[in-house]
All heavy atoms as atom14 arrays in JSON, in Angstrom:
{
  "sequence": "PFAQAKAMRAALDAAHKPYEWMSKPGEGHGFYSEENNIE",
  "atom14_mask": [
    [1, 1, 1, 1, 1, 1, 1, 0, 0, 0, 0, 0, 0, 0],
    [1, 1, 1, 1, 1, 1, 1, 1, 1, 1, 1, 0, 0, 0],
    [1, 1, 1, 1, 1, 0, 0, 0, 0, 0, 0, 0, 0, 0],
    [1, 1, 1, 1, 1, 1, 1, 1, 1, 0, 0, 0, 0, 0],
    [1, 1, 1, 1, 1, 0, 0, 0, 0, 0, 0, 0, 0, 0],
    [1, 1, 1, 1, 1, 1, 1, 1, 1, 0, 0, 0, 0, 0],
    [1, 1, 1, 1, 1, 0, 0, 0, 0, 0, 0, 0, 0, 0],
    [1, 1, 1, 1, 1, 1, 1, 1, 0, 0, 0, 0, 0, 0],
    [1, 1, 1, 1, 1, 1, 1, 1, 1, 1, 1, 0, 0, 0],
    [1, 1, 1, 1, 1, 0, 0, 0, 0, 0, 0, 0, 0, 0],
    [1, 1, 1, 1, 1, 0, 0, 0, 0, 0, 0, 0, 0, 0],
    [1, 1, 1, 1, 1, 1, 1, 1, 0, 0, 0, 0, 0, 0],
    [1, 1, 1, 1, 1, 1, 1, 1, 0, 0, 0, 0, 0, 0],
    [1, 1, 1, 1, 1, 0, 0, 0, 0, 0, 0, 0, 0, 0],
    [1, 1, 1, 1, 1, 0, 0, 0, 0, 0, 0, 0, 0, 0],
    [1, 1, 1, 1, 1, 1, 1, 1, 1, 1, 0, 0, 0, 0],
    [1, 1, 1, 1, 1, 1, 1, 1, 1, 0, 0, 0, 0, 0],
    [1, 1, 1, 1, 1, 1, 1, 0, 0, 0, 0, 0, 0, 0],
    [1, 1, 1, 1, 1, 1, 1, 1, 1, 1, 1, 1, 0, 0],
    [1, 1, 1, 1, 1, 1, 1, 1, 1, 0, 0, 0, 0, 0],
    [1, 1, 1, 1, 1, 1, 1, 1, 1, 1, 1, 1, 1, 1],
    [1, 1, 1, 1, 1, 1, 1, 1, 0, 0, 0, 0, 0, 0],
    [1, 1, 1, 1, 1, 1, 0, 0, 0, 0, 0, 0, 0, 0],
    [1, 1, 1, 1, 1, 1, 1, 1, 1, 0, 0, 0, 0, 0],
    [1, 1, 1, 1, 1, 1, 1, 0, 0, 0, 0, 0, 0, 0],
    [1, 1, 1, 1, 0, 0, 0, 0, 0, 0, 0, 0, 0, 0],
    [1, 1, 1, 1, 1, 1, 1, 1, 1, 0, 0, 0, 0, 0],
    [1, 1, 1, 1, 0, 0, 0, 0, 0, 0, 0, 0, 0, 0],
    [1, 1, 1, 1, 1, 1, 1, 1, 1, 1, 0, 0, 0, 0],
    [1, 1, 1, 1, 0, 0, 0, 0, 0, 0, 0, 0, 0, 0],
    [1, 1, 1, 1, 1, 1, 1, 1, 1, 1, 1, 0, 0, 0],
    [1, 1, 1, 1, 1, 1, 1, 1, 1, 1, 1, 1, 0, 0],
    [1, 1, 1, 1, 1, 1, 0, 0, 0, 0, 0, 0, 0, 0],
    [1, 1, 1, 1, 1, 1, 1, 1, 1, 0, 0, 0, 0, 0],
    [1, 1, 1, 1, 1, 1, 1, 1, 1, 0, 0, 0, 0, 0],
    [1, 1, 1, 1, 1, 1, 1, 1, 0, 0, 0, 0, 0, 0],
    [1, 1, 1, 1, 1, 1, 1, 1, 0, 0, 0, 0, 0, 0],
    [1, 1, 1, 1, 1, 1, 1, 1, 0, 0, 0, 0, 0, 0],
    [1, 1, 1, 1, 1, 1, 1, 1, 1, 0, 0, 0, 0, 0]
  ],
  "atom14_positions": [
    [[61.02, 26.07, 29.95], [59.76, 25.41, 30.32], [58.62, 25.71, 29.35], [58.59, 26.75, 28.69], [59.47, 25.99, 31.71], [60.8, 26.43, 32.23], [61.56, 26.89, 31.03], [0.0, 0.0, 0.0], [0.0, 0.0, 0.0], [0.0, 0.0, 0.0], [0.0, 0.0, 0.0], [0.0, 0.0, 0.0], [0.0, 0.0, 0.0], [0.0, 0.0, 0.0]],
    [[57.68, 24.77, 29.29], [56.52, 24.9, 28.42], [55.79, 26.22, 28.68], [55.15, 26.78, 27.78], [55.59, 23.7, 28.64], [54.47, 23.59, 27.65], [54.66, 23.87, 26.3], [53.21, 23.16, 28.06], [53.62, 23.75, 25.39], [52.17, 23.03, 27.17], [52.37, 23.33, 25.82], [0.0, 0.0, 0.0], [0.0, 0.0, 0.0], [0.0, 0.0, 0.0]],
    [[55.92, 26.72, 29.89], [55.3, 28.01, 30.22], [55.8, 29.13, 29.32], [55.08, 30.11, 29.07], [55.56, 28.36, 31.69], [0.0, 0.0, 0.0], [0.0, 0.0, 0.0], [0.0, 0.0, 0.0], [0.0, 0.0, 0.0], [0.0, 0.0, 0.0], [0.0, 0.0, 0.0], [0.0, 0.0, 0.0], [0.0, 0.0, 0.0], [0.0, 0.0, 0.0]],
    [[57.02, 29.02, 28.83], [57.55, 30.02, 27.91], [56.73, 30.07, 26.62], [56.34, 31.15, 26.14], [59.02, 29.71, 27.57], [60.0, 29.92, 28.72], [60.43, 31.38, 28.85], [60.07, 32.23, 28.04], [61.22, 31.67, 29.88], [0.0, 0.0, 0.0], [0.0, 0.0, 0.0], [0.0, 0.0, 0.0], [0.0, 0.0, 0.0], [0.0, 0.0, 0.0]],
    [[56.48, 28.9, 26.04], [55.7, 28.85, 24.8], [54.27, 29.3, 25.03], [53.68, 30.01, 24.2], [55.74, 27.44, 24.22], [0.0, 0.0, 0.0], [0.0, 0.0, 0.0], [0.0, 0.0, 0.0], [0.0, 0.0, 0.0], [0.0, 0.0, 0.0], [0.0, 0.0, 0.0], [0.0, 0.0, 0.0], [0.0, 0.0, 0.0], [0.0, 0.0, 0.0]],
    [[53.68, 28.87, 26.16], [52.3, 29.26, 26.45], [52.19, 30.77, 26.66], [51.2, 31.39, 26.26], [51.79, 28.49, 27.67], [51.59, 27.01, 27.41], [50.82, 26.3, 28.52], [51.64, 26.18, 29.78], [50.94, 25.39, 30.82], [0.0, 0.0, 0.0], [0.0, 0.0, 0.0], [0.0, 0.0, 0.0], [0.0, 0.0, 0.0], [0.0, 0.0, 0.0]],
    [[53.23, 31.37, 27.26], [53.22, 32.83, 27.45], [53.3, 33.55, 26.11], [52.63, 34.57, 25.89], [54.38, 33.25, 28.35], [0.0, 0.0, 0.0], [0.0, 0.0, 0.0], [0.0, 0.0, 0.0], [0.0, 0.0, 0.0], [0.0, 0.0, 0.0], [0.0, 0.0, 0.0], [0.0, 0.0, 0.0], [0.0, 0.0, 0.0], [0.0, 0.0, 0.0]],
    [[54.12, 33.0, 25.18], [54.24, 33.62, 23.85], [52.93, 33.47, 23.09], [52.48, 34.4, 22.41], [55.39, 32.97, 23.08], [55.77, 33.69, 21.79], [56.55, 35.28, 22.09], [55.46, 36.39, 21.19], [0.0, 0.0, 0.0], [0.0, 0.0, 0.0], [0.0, 0.0, 0.0], [0.0, 0.0, 0.0], [0.0, 0.0, 0.0], [0.0, 0.0, 0.0]],
    [[52.32, 32.31, 23.22], [51.03, 32.09, 22.55], [49.98, 33.06, 23.09], [49.22, 33.65, 22.3], [50.58, 30.64, 22.76], [49.23, 30.32, 22.12], [48.87, 28.84, 22.27], [48.74, 28.43, 23.66], [48.41, 27.2, 24.05], [48.22, 26.26, 23.13], [48.3, 26.9, 25.32], [0.0, 0.0, 0.0], [0.0, 0.0, 0.0], [0.0, 0.0, 0.0]],
    [[49.94, 33.24, 24.4], [48.97, 34.15, 24.99], [49.21, 35.59, 24.53], [48.25, 36.35, 24.27], [49.04, 34.07, 26.52], [0.0, 0.0, 0.0], [0.0, 0.0, 0.0], [0.0, 0.0, 0.0], [0.0, 0.0, 0.0], [0.0, 0.0, 0.0], [0.0, 0.0, 0.0], [0.0, 0.0, 0.0], [0.0, 0.0, 0.0], [0.0, 0.0, 0.0]],
    [[50.49, 35.96, 24.4], [50.81, 37.32, 23.94], [50.37, 37.53, 22.5], [49.86, 38.61, 22.14], [52.31, 37.56, 24.09], [0.0, 0.0, 0.0], [0.0, 0.0, 0.0], [0.0, 0.0, 0.0], [0.0, 0.0, 0.0], [0.0, 0.0, 0.0], [0.0, 0.0, 0.0], [0.0, 0.0, 0.0], [0.0, 0.0, 0.0], [0.0, 0.0, 0.0]],
    [[50.57, 36.51, 21.66], [50.13, 36.62, 20.26], [48.62, 36.69, 20.18], [48.05, 37.45, 19.37], [50.67, 35.43, 19.45], [52.18, 35.39, 19.23], [52.6, 34.04, 18.65], [52.63, 36.52, 18.3], [0.0, 0.0, 0.0], [0.0, 0.0, 0.0], [0.0, 0.0, 0.0], [0.0, 0.0, 0.0], [0.0, 0.0, 0.0], [0.0, 0.0, 0.0]],
    [[47.94, 35.89, 21.02], [46.47, 35.94, 21.05], [46.0, 37.34, 21.45], [45.08, 37.91, 20.84], [45.93, 34.91, 22.05], [45.94, 33.49, 21.49], [45.9, 33.34, 20.25], [45.99, 32.55, 22.3], [0.0, 0.0, 0.0], [0.0, 0.0, 0.0], [0.0, 0.0, 0.0], [0.0, 0.0, 0.0], [0.0, 0.0, 0.0], [0.0, 0.0, 0.0]],
    [[46.61, 37.89, 22.5], [46.2, 39.21, 22.99], [46.43, 40.31, 21.95], [45.68, 41.29, 21.89], [46.96, 39.55, 24.28], [0.0, 0.0, 0.0], [0.0, 0.0, 0.0], [0.0, 0.0, 0.0], [0.0, 0.0, 0.0], [0.0, 0.0, 0.0], [0.0, 0.0, 0.0], [0.0, 0.0, 0.0], [0.0, 0.0, 0.0], [0.0, 0.0, 0.0]],
    [[47.48, 40.11, 21.11], [47.79, 41.1, 20.07], [47.07, 40.79, 18.76], [47.27, 41.49, 17.76], [49.29, 41.14, 19.83], [0.0, 0.0, 0.0], [0.0, 0.0, 0.0], [0.0, 0.0, 0.0], [0.0, 0.0, 0.0], [0.0, 0.0, 0.0], [0.0, 0.0, 0.0], [0.0, 0.0, 0.0], [0.0, 0.0, 0.0], [0.0, 0.0, 0.0]],
    [[46.24, 39.72, 18.78], [45.48, 39.31, 17.58], [46.41, 39.01, 16.41], [46.15, 39.4, 15.27], [44.45, 40.38, 17.2], [43.54, 40.77, 18.32], [42.58, 39.91, 18.84], [43.46, 41.91, 19.07], [41.94, 40.5, 19.83], [42.45, 41.72, 19.99], [0.0, 0.0, 0.0], [0.0, 0.0, 0.0], [0.0, 0.0, 0.0], [0.0, 0.0, 0.0]],
    [[47.48, 38.26, 16.71], [48.45, 37.87, 15.7], [48.26, 36.38, 15.37], [48.15, 35.55, 16.28], [49.88, 38.09, 16.18], [50.18, 39.55, 16.56], [50.19, 40.46, 15.33], [50.57, 41.87, 15.71], [50.63, 42.77, 14.54], [0.0, 0.0, 0.0], [0.0, 0.0, 0.0], [0.0, 0.0, 0.0], [0.0, 0.0, 0.0], [0.0, 0.0, 0.0]],
    [[48.24, 36.03, 14.09], [48.06, 34.61, 13.72], [49.33, 33.81, 13.99], [50.45, 34.34, 13.93], [47.77, 34.68, 12.23], [48.45, 35.93, 11.77], [48.35, 36.9, 12.91], [0.0, 0.0, 0.0], [0.0, 0.0, 0.0], [0.0, 0.0, 0.0], [0.0, 0.0, 0.0], [0.0, 0.0, 0.0], [0.0, 0.0, 0.0], [0.0, 0.0, 0.0]],
    [[49.18, 32.53, 14.27], [50.34, 31.67, 14.48], [49.92, 30.22, 14.28], [48.73, 29.88, 14.31], [50.91, 31.84, 15.9], [49.91, 31.54, 17.0], [49.74, 30.25, 17.49], [49.12, 32.56, 17.54], [48.82, 29.97, 18.49], [48.2, 32.3, 18.54], [48.05, 31.01, 19.01], [47.13, 30.74, 19.99], [0.0, 0.0, 0.0], [0.0, 0.0, 0.0]],
    [[50.9, 29.36, 14.07], [50.7, 27.92, 14.07], [51.37, 27.35, 15.3], [52.3, 27.95, 15.85], [51.26, 27.3, 12.78], [50.54, 27.79, 11.53], [51.01, 27.11, 10.26], [51.53, 25.97, 10.35], [50.88, 27.71, 9.17], [0.0, 0.0, 0.0], [0.0, 0.0, 0.0], [0.0, 0.0, 0.0], [0.0, 0.0, 0.0], [0.0, 0.0, 0.0]],
    [[50.91, 26.18, 15.72], [51.31, 25.66, 17.03], [51.56, 24.16, 16.95], [50.82, 23.42, 16.3], [50.19, 25.96, 18.03], [50.37, 25.41, 19.41], [49.89, 24.23, 19.9], [51.09, 26.03, 20.49], [50.25, 24.08, 21.22], [50.99, 25.17, 21.6], [51.8, 27.22, 20.62], [51.57, 25.46, 22.84], [52.39, 27.52, 21.84], [52.26, 26.64, 22.94]],
    [[52.62, 23.71, 17.62], [52.9, 22.27, 17.76], [53.54, 22.03, 19.11], [54.61, 22.58, 19.4], [53.83, 21.79, 16.64], [54.19, 20.31, 16.73], [55.39, 19.82, 15.45], [55.59, 18.07, 15.85], [0.0, 0.0, 0.0], [0.0, 0.0, 0.0], [0.0, 0.0, 0.0], [0.0, 0.0, 0.0], [0.0, 0.0, 0.0], [0.0, 0.0, 0.0]],
    [[52.91, 21.25, 19.96], [53.51, 20.87, 21.24], [53.33, 19.38, 21.42], [52.37, 18.78, 20.91], [52.87, 21.63, 22.41], [51.53, 21.22, 22.6], [0.0, 0.0, 0.0], [0.0, 0.0, 0.0], [0.0, 0.0, 0.0], [0.0, 0.0, 0.0], [0.0, 0.0, 0.0], [0.0, 0.0, 0.0], [0.0, 0.0, 0.0], [0.0, 0.0, 0.0]],
    [[54.28, 18.76, 22.14], [54.25, 17.32, 22.32], [54.51, 16.96, 23.78], [55.51, 17.38, 24.37], [55.3, 16.64, 21.45], [55.02, 16.75, 19.95], [53.78, 15.95, 19.55], [53.49, 16.05, 18.07], [52.28, 15.29, 17.69], [0.0, 0.0, 0.0], [0.0, 0.0, 0.0], [0.0, 0.0, 0.0], [0.0, 0.0, 0.0], [0.0, 0.0, 0.0]],
    [[53.62, 16.15, 24.39], [53.88, 15.69, 25.75], [55.05, 14.71, 25.76], [55.31, 14.02, 24.76], [52.56, 14.99, 26.12], [51.95, 14.58, 24.81], [52.35, 15.65, 23.84], [0.0, 0.0, 0.0], [0.0, 0.0, 0.0], [0.0, 0.0, 0.0], [0.0, 0.0, 0.0], [0.0, 0.0, 0.0], [0.0, 0.0, 0.0], [0.0, 0.0, 0.0]],
    [[55.76, 14.66, 26.88], [56.86, 13.72, 27.01], [58.16, 14.17, 26.36], [59.17, 13.48, 26.48], [0.0, 0.0, 0.0], [0.0, 0.0, 0.0], [0.0, 0.0, 0.0], [0.0, 0.0, 0.0], [0.0, 0.0, 0.0], [0.0, 0.0, 0.0], [0.0, 0.0, 0.0], [0.0, 0.0, 0.0], [0.0, 0.0, 0.0], [0.0, 0.0, 0.0]],
    [[58.13, 15.32, 25.68], [59.34, 15.83, 25.04], [59.95, 16.95, 25.88], [59.23, 17.76, 26.46], [59.04, 16.35, 23.63], [58.6, 15.28, 22.64], [59.76, 14.42, 22.14], [60.86, 14.48, 22.74], [59.57, 13.68, 21.17], [0.0, 0.0, 0.0], [0.0, 0.0, 0.0], [0.0, 0.0, 0.0], [0.0, 0.0, 0.0], [0.0, 0.0, 0.0]],
    [[61.29, 16.99, 25.92], [62.0, 17.98, 26.7], [62.52, 19.12, 25.84], [61.81, 19.63, 24.96], [0.0, 0.0, 0.0], [0.0, 0.0, 0.0], [0.0, 0.0, 0.0], [0.0, 0.0, 0.0], [0.0, 0.0, 0.0], [0.0, 0.0, 0.0], [0.0, 0.0, 0.0], [0.0, 0.0, 0.0], [0.0, 0.0, 0.0], [0.0, 0.0, 0.0]],
    [[63.77, 19.5, 26.08], [64.37, 20.64, 25.37], [64.86, 20.16, 24.0], [66.05, 19.95, 23.78], [65.5, 21.23, 26.19], [65.9, 22.61, 25.76], [64.99, 23.63, 25.59], [67.12, 23.16, 25.49], [65.62, 24.73, 25.22], [66.91, 24.47, 25.14], [0.0, 0.0, 0.0], [0.0, 0.0, 0.0], [0.0, 0.0, 0.0], [0.0, 0.0, 0.0]],
    [[63.92, 19.99, 23.09], [64.17, 19.39, 21.79], [63.58, 18.0, 21.76], [63.64, 17.25, 22.74], [0.0, 0.0, 0.0], [0.0, 0.0, 0.0], [0.0, 0.0, 0.0], [0.0, 0.0, 0.0], [0.0, 0.0, 0.0], [0.0, 0.0, 0.0], [0.0, 0.0, 0.0], [0.0, 0.0, 0.0], [0.0, 0.0, 0.0], [0.0, 0.0, 0.0]],
    [[62.99, 17.62, 20.63], [62.28, 16.33, 20.53], [63.26, 15.17, 20.36], [64.23, 15.26, 19.6], [61.33, 16.35, 19.34], [60.17, 17.32, 19.47], [59.29, 17.5, 18.4], [59.96, 18.05, 20.62], [58.24, 18.39, 18.5], [58.9, 18.95, 20.73], [58.03, 19.11, 19.66], [0.0, 0.0, 0.0], [0.0, 0.0, 0.0], [0.0, 0.0, 0.0]],
    [[62.97, 14.05, 21.04], [63.72, 12.81, 20.86], [63.0, 11.84, 19.94], [63.61, 11.13, 19.15], [63.95, 12.13, 22.21], [65.22, 12.54, 22.9], [65.19, 13.19, 24.12], [66.47, 12.27, 22.33], [66.35, 13.58, 24.77], [67.64, 12.66, 22.96], [67.56, 13.31, 24.18], [68.72, 13.69, 24.81], [0.0, 0.0, 0.0], [0.0, 0.0, 0.0]],
    [[61.69, 11.78, 20.05], [60.91, 10.81, 19.28], [61.09, 11.02, 17.78], [60.92, 12.13, 17.27], [59.42, 10.94, 19.64], [58.6, 10.35, 18.65], [0.0, 0.0, 0.0], [0.0, 0.0, 0.0], [0.0, 0.0, 0.0], [0.0, 0.0, 0.0], [0.0, 0.0, 0.0], [0.0, 0.0, 0.0], [0.0, 0.0, 0.0], [0.0, 0.0, 0.0]],
    [[61.46, 9.96, 17.07], [61.61, 10.06, 15.62], [60.27, 10.45, 14.98], [60.23, 11.25, 14.05], [62.12, 8.74, 15.04], [63.58, 8.47, 15.39], [64.14, 7.25, 14.7], [63.47, 6.72, 13.77], [65.24, 6.79, 15.06], [0.0, 0.0, 0.0], [0.0, 0.0, 0.0], [0.0, 0.0, 0.0], [0.0, 0.0, 0.0], [0.0, 0.0, 0.0]],
    [[59.19, 9.89, 15.49], [57.87, 10.2, 14.96], [57.56, 11.7, 15.1], [57.08, 12.35, 14.16], [56.81, 9.37, 15.68], [55.38, 9.62, 15.2], [54.36, 8.81, 15.98], [54.77, 7.97, 16.8], [53.15, 9.02, 15.76], [0.0, 0.0, 0.0], [0.0, 0.0, 0.0], [0.0, 0.0, 0.0], [0.0, 0.0, 0.0], [0.0, 0.0, 0.0]],
    [[57.86, 12.25, 16.28], [57.61, 13.68, 16.49], [58.52, 14.55, 15.63], [58.11, 15.62, 15.15], [57.79, 14.03, 17.96], [56.67, 13.48, 18.83], [55.59, 13.16, 18.33], [56.93, 13.34, 20.12], [0.0, 0.0, 0.0], [0.0, 0.0, 0.0], [0.0, 0.0, 0.0], [0.0, 0.0, 0.0], [0.0, 0.0, 0.0], [0.0, 0.0, 0.0]],
    [[59.75, 14.12, 15.44], [60.67, 14.89, 14.62], [60.31, 14.85, 13.14], [60.51, 15.82, 12.42], [62.12, 14.42, 14.84], [62.74, 15.06, 16.07], [62.64, 16.27, 16.27], [63.38, 14.25, 16.9], [0.0, 0.0, 0.0], [0.0, 0.0, 0.0], [0.0, 0.0, 0.0], [0.0, 0.0, 0.0], [0.0, 0.0, 0.0], [0.0, 0.0, 0.0]],
    [[59.79, 13.72, 12.7], [59.3, 13.65, 11.32], [58.15, 14.64, 11.13], [58.11, 15.39, 10.14], [58.84, 12.21, 11.0], [60.06, 11.28, 10.9], [58.05, 12.17, 9.68], [59.7, 9.81, 10.84], [0.0, 0.0, 0.0], [0.0, 0.0, 0.0], [0.0, 0.0, 0.0], [0.0, 0.0, 0.0], [0.0, 0.0, 0.0], [0.0, 0.0, 0.0]],
    [[57.24, 14.66, 12.09], [56.13, 15.61, 12.01], [56.64, 17.05, 12.07], [56.16, 17.93, 11.32], [55.14, 15.35, 13.15], [53.93, 16.27, 13.12], [52.99, 16.05, 14.3], [53.15, 15.05, 15.02], [52.08, 16.91, 14.5], [0.0, 0.0, 0.0], [0.0, 0.0, 0.0], [0.0, 0.0, 0.0], [0.0, 0.0, 0.0], [0.0, 0.0, 0.0]]
  ]
}
């Protein structure tokens, strides 16, 4: 679940660790949209 990624992001924020982020609405366990996969 998306909650997994949000929990990891919150943990990195709390530890003051830099990160990059990409999330997409409508996508499940791996992206289907060709546009999203290109990105």
